[in-house]
Amino acid sequence: MYSLKVEGVFSSAHNLRGYKGKCEDLHGHNWRVEICVASKELDNIGMLLDFKYLKKRLNAVLEKMDHKYLNKLIFFKRVNPTSENIAKYIYNELKTRITLLKSVTVWENSTSSATYEE
């Protein structure tokens, strides 16, 4: 099995509804997002996918979230903007554009992350 990973970043604010603690209040993160694609097969030139292709698709999604208050985005009006749900949101946005998508990991700081995969 072959896998590739690329990363992107965005900055945004959010607050967690129903959470009892500091994260209930408005606060922000400089998010790091890692996507992973996987396949048993390579193409005819020995590549899984082009890194440039993956970064372009990822950055298109992250641009919609950069410098935004996540709670105001349509998806997060219904779903709490936790790291877990942010990973799922990004996965869902990418899965039709990147057929070999395996997982999305969202880092809210250097020591804490959440991963979503189907």
C-alpha atoms as a PDB file:
ATOM      1  CA  MET A   1       0.000   0.000   0.000  1.00  0.00           C
ATOM      2  CA  TYR A   2       1.293   3.435  -0.955  1.00  0.00           C
ATOM      3  CA  SER A   3       0.283   6.614   0.809  1.00  0.00           C
ATOM      4  CA  LEU A   4       0.993  10.312   0.401  1.00  0.00           C
ATOM      5  CA  LYS A   5       0.405  13.139   2.826  1.00  0.00           C
ATOM      6  CA  VAL A   6       0.265  16.886   2.286  1.00  0.00           C
ATOM      7  CA  GLU A   7      -0.398  19.687   4.741  1.00  0.00           C
ATOM      8  CA  GLY A   8      -2.094  23.044   4.681  1.00  0.00           C
ATOM      9  CA  VAL A   9      -2.865  25.724   7.241  1.00  0.00           C
ATOM     10  CA  PHE A  10      -5.628  28.163   8.063  1.00  0.00           C
ATOM     11  CA  SER A  11      -6.477  30.514  10.908  1.00  0.00           C
ATOM     12  CA  SER A  12      -9.957  30.831  12.325  1.00  0.00           C
ATOM     13  CA  ALA A  13     -12.030  31.413  15.419  1.00  0.00           C
ATOM     14  CA  HIS A  14     -14.738  29.273  16.982  1.00  0.00           C
ATOM     15  CA  ASN A  15     -16.466  28.495  20.221  1.00  0.00           C
ATOM     16  CA  LEU A  16     -17.806  25.159  21.381  1.00  0.00           C
ATOM     17  CA  ARG A  17     -21.499  25.074  22.156  1.00  0.00           C
ATOM     18  CA  GLY A  18     -22.420  23.076  25.236  1.00  0.00           C
ATOM     19  CA  TYR A  19     -18.847  22.843  26.478  1.00  0.00           C
ATOM     20  CA  LYS A  20     -18.212  23.804  30.084  1.00  0.00           C
ATOM     21  CA  GLY A  21     -14.822  25.484  30.160  1.00  0.00           C
ATOM     22  CA  LYS A  22     -12.586  27.958  28.364  1.00  0.00           C
ATOM     23  CA  CYS A  23     -13.384  26.609  24.898  1.00  0.00           C
ATOM     24  CA  GLU A  24     -17.005  27.677  25.361  1.00  0.00           C
ATOM     25  CA  ASP A  25     -15.770  31.238  24.828  1.00  0.00           C
ATOM     26  CA  LEU A  26     -14.734  32.642  21.479  1.00  0.00           C
ATOM     27  CA  HIS A  27     -11.104  31.752  20.717  1.00  0.00           C
ATOM     28  CA  GLY A  28      -8.891  31.064  17.720  1.00  0.00           C
ATOM     29  CA  HIS A  29      -6.372  28.595  16.370  1.00  0.00           C
ATOM     30  CA  ASN A  30      -3.762  28.414  13.672  1.00  0.00           C
ATOM     31  CA  TRP A  31      -4.936  25.062  12.338  1.00  0.00           C
ATOM     32  CA  ARG A  32      -2.686  22.586  10.527  1.00  0.00           C
ATOM     33  CA  VAL A  33      -4.449  20.094   8.279  1.00  0.00           C
ATOM     34  CA  GLU A  34      -2.948  16.897   6.919  1.00  0.00           C
ATOM     35  CA  ILE A  35      -4.633  14.830   4.245  1.00  0.00           C
ATOM     36  CA  CYS A  36      -3.623  11.296   3.361  1.00  0.00           C
ATOM     37  CA  VAL A  37      -4.341   9.409   0.145  1.00  0.00           C
ATOM     38  CA  ALA A  38      -3.656   5.714  -0.352  1.00  0.00           C
ATOM     39  CA  SER A  39      -3.704   3.039  -3.027  1.00  0.00           C
ATOM     40  CA  LYS A  40      -2.113  -0.284  -3.855  1.00  0.00           C
ATOM     41  CA  GLU A  41      -1.397   0.931  -7.383  1.00  0.00           C
ATOM     42  CA  LEU A  42       0.785   3.642  -8.909  1.00  0.00           C
ATOM     43  CA  ASP A  43       0.185   5.309 -12.253  1.00  0.00           C
ATOM     44  CA  ASN A  44       2.216   4.592 -15.382  1.00  0.00           C
ATOM     45  CA  ILE A  45       5.051   6.922 -14.278  1.00  0.00           C
ATOM     46  CA  GLY A  46       5.265   5.499 -10.760  1.00  0.00           C
ATOM     47  CA  MET A  47       3.219   8.096  -8.876  1.00  0.00           C
ATOM     48  CA  LEU A  48       0.204   7.735  -6.627  1.00  0.00           C
ATOM     49  CA  LEU A  49      -0.941  11.337  -7.179  1.00  0.00           C
ATOM     50  CA  ASP A  50       0.837  14.620  -7.794  1.00  0.00           C
ATOM     51  CA  PHE A  51       1.583  16.561  -4.585  1.00  0.00           C
ATOM     52  CA  LYS A  52       0.715  19.772  -6.436  1.00  0.00           C
ATOM     53  CA  TYR A  53      -2.741  18.380  -7.313  1.00  0.00           C
ATOM     54  CA  LEU A  54      -3.395  17.442  -3.669  1.00  0.00           C
ATOM     55  CA  LYS A  55      -2.219  20.785  -2.278  1.00  0.00           C
ATOM     56  CA  LYS A  56      -4.397  22.701  -4.746  1.00  0.00           C
ATOM     57  CA  ARG A  57      -7.526  20.753  -3.740  1.00  0.00           C
ATOM     58  CA  LEU A  58      -6.778  21.077  -0.018  1.00  0.00           C
ATOM     59  CA  ASN A  59      -6.006  24.797  -0.187  1.00  0.00           C
ATOM     60  CA  ALA A  60      -9.273  25.469  -2.056  1.00  0.00           C
ATOM     61  CA  VAL A  61     -11.199  24.062   0.921  1.00  0.00           C
ATOM     62  CA  LEU A  62      -9.043  25.746   3.558  1.00  0.00           C
ATOM     63  CA  GLU A  63      -9.414  29.128   1.831  1.00  0.00           C
ATOM     64  CA  LYS A  64     -13.151  29.014   2.614  1.00  0.00           C
ATOM     65  CA  MET A  65     -12.320  28.616   6.316  1.00  0.00           C
ATOM     66  CA  ASP A  66      -9.343  30.963   6.633  1.00  0.00           C
ATOM     67  CA  HIS A  67      -9.912  34.005   8.850  1.00  0.00           C
ATOM     68  CA  LYS A  68     -13.533  33.022   9.430  1.00  0.00           C
ATOM     69  CA  TYR A  69     -15.657  32.532  12.518  1.00  0.00           C
ATOM     70  CA  LEU A  70     -16.403  28.851  11.937  1.00  0.00           C
ATOM     71  CA  ASN A  71     -19.676  28.871  13.880  1.00  0.00           C
ATOM     72  CA  LYS A  72     -21.150  31.124  11.166  1.00  0.00           C
ATOM     73  CA  LEU A  73     -20.401  28.697   8.298  1.00  0.00           C
ATOM     74  CA  ILE A  74     -23.534  26.810   7.231  1.00  0.00           C
ATOM     75  CA  PHE A  75     -22.227  23.355   8.220  1.00  0.00           C
ATOM     76  CA  PHE A  76     -21.189  24.523  11.691  1.00  0.00           C
ATOM     77  CA  LYS A  77     -24.498  26.236  12.412  1.00  0.00           C
ATOM     78  CA  ARG A  78     -25.858  22.676  12.801  1.00  0.00           C
ATOM     79  CA  VAL A  79     -22.707  20.865  13.928  1.00  0.00           C
ATOM     80  CA  ASN A  80     -20.427  21.920  16.783  1.00  0.00           C
ATOM     81  CA  PRO A  81     -17.054  23.112  15.356  1.00  0.00           C
ATOM     82  CA  THR A  82     -14.912  20.651  17.311  1.00  0.00           C
ATOM     83  CA  SER A  83     -11.623  19.443  15.865  1.00  0.00           C
ATOM     84  CA  GLU A  84     -13.314  16.122  15.114  1.00  0.00           C
ATOM     85  CA  ASN A  85     -16.117  17.777  13.148  1.00  0.00           C
ATOM     86  CA  ILE A  86     -13.707  20.107  11.335  1.00  0.00           C
ATOM     87  CA  ALA A  87     -11.769  17.028  10.157  1.00  0.00           C
ATOM     88  CA  LYS A  88     -15.019  15.432   8.944  1.00  0.00           C
ATOM     89  CA  TYR A  89     -16.110  18.639   7.197  1.00  0.00           C
ATOM     90  CA  ILE A  90     -12.812  18.878   5.293  1.00  0.00           C
ATOM     91  CA  TYR A  91     -12.975  15.164   4.431  1.00  0.00           C
ATOM     92  CA  ASN A  92     -16.497  15.554   3.038  1.00  0.00           C
ATOM     93  CA  GLU A  93     -15.467  18.598   0.998  1.00  0.00           C
ATOM     94  CA  LEU A  94     -12.534  16.681  -0.520  1.00  0.00           C
ATOM     95  CA  LYS A  95     -13.871  13.160  -1.025  1.00  0.00           C
ATOM     96  CA  THR A  96     -15.540  13.897  -4.370  1.00  0.00           C
ATOM     97  CA  ARG A  97     -12.460  15.769  -5.625  1.00  0.00           C
ATOM     98  CA  ILE A  98      -9.828  13.273  -4.452  1.00  0.00           C
ATOM     99  CA  THR A  99     -10.984   9.711  -5.063  1.00  0.00           C
ATOM    100  CA  LEU A 100      -8.058   8.106  -3.188  1.00  0.00           C
ATOM    101  CA  LEU A 101      -8.633  10.157  -0.016  1.00  0.00           C
ATOM    102  CA  LYS A 102      -7.998   8.057   3.091  1.00  0.00           C
ATOM    103  CA  SER A 103      -8.042  10.482   6.020  1.00  0.00           C
ATOM    104  CA  VAL A 104      -7.962  14.076   7.212  1.00  0.00           C
ATOM    105  CA  THR A 105      -6.138  15.091  10.388  1.00  0.00           C
ATOM    106  CA  VAL A 106      -6.688  18.494  11.957  1.00  0.00           C
ATOM    107  CA  TRP A 107      -4.173  19.897  14.457  1.00  0.00           C
ATOM    108  CA  GLU A 108      -5.423  22.730  16.671  1.00  0.00           C
ATOM    109  CA  ASN A 109      -1.970  23.066  18.242  1.00  0.00           C
ATOM    110  CA  SER A 110       1.330  21.197  18.152  1.00  0.00           C
ATOM    111  CA  THR A 111       0.188  18.482  20.561  1.00  0.00           C
ATOM    112  CA  SER A 112      -3.531  17.930  19.834  1.00  0.00           C
ATOM    113  CA  SER A 113      -5.172  16.555  16.710  1.00  0.00           C
ATOM    114  CA  ALA A 114      -8.279  14.754  15.472  1.00  0.00           C
ATOM    115  CA  THR A 115      -8.513  12.415  12.471  1.00  0.00           C
ATOM    116  CA  TYR A 116     -11.502  11.465  10.351  1.00  0.00           C
ATOM    117  CA  GLU A 117     -11.608   8.593   7.862  1.00  0.00           C
ATOM    118  CA  GLU A 118     -14.365   6.450   6.421  1.00  0.00           C
END
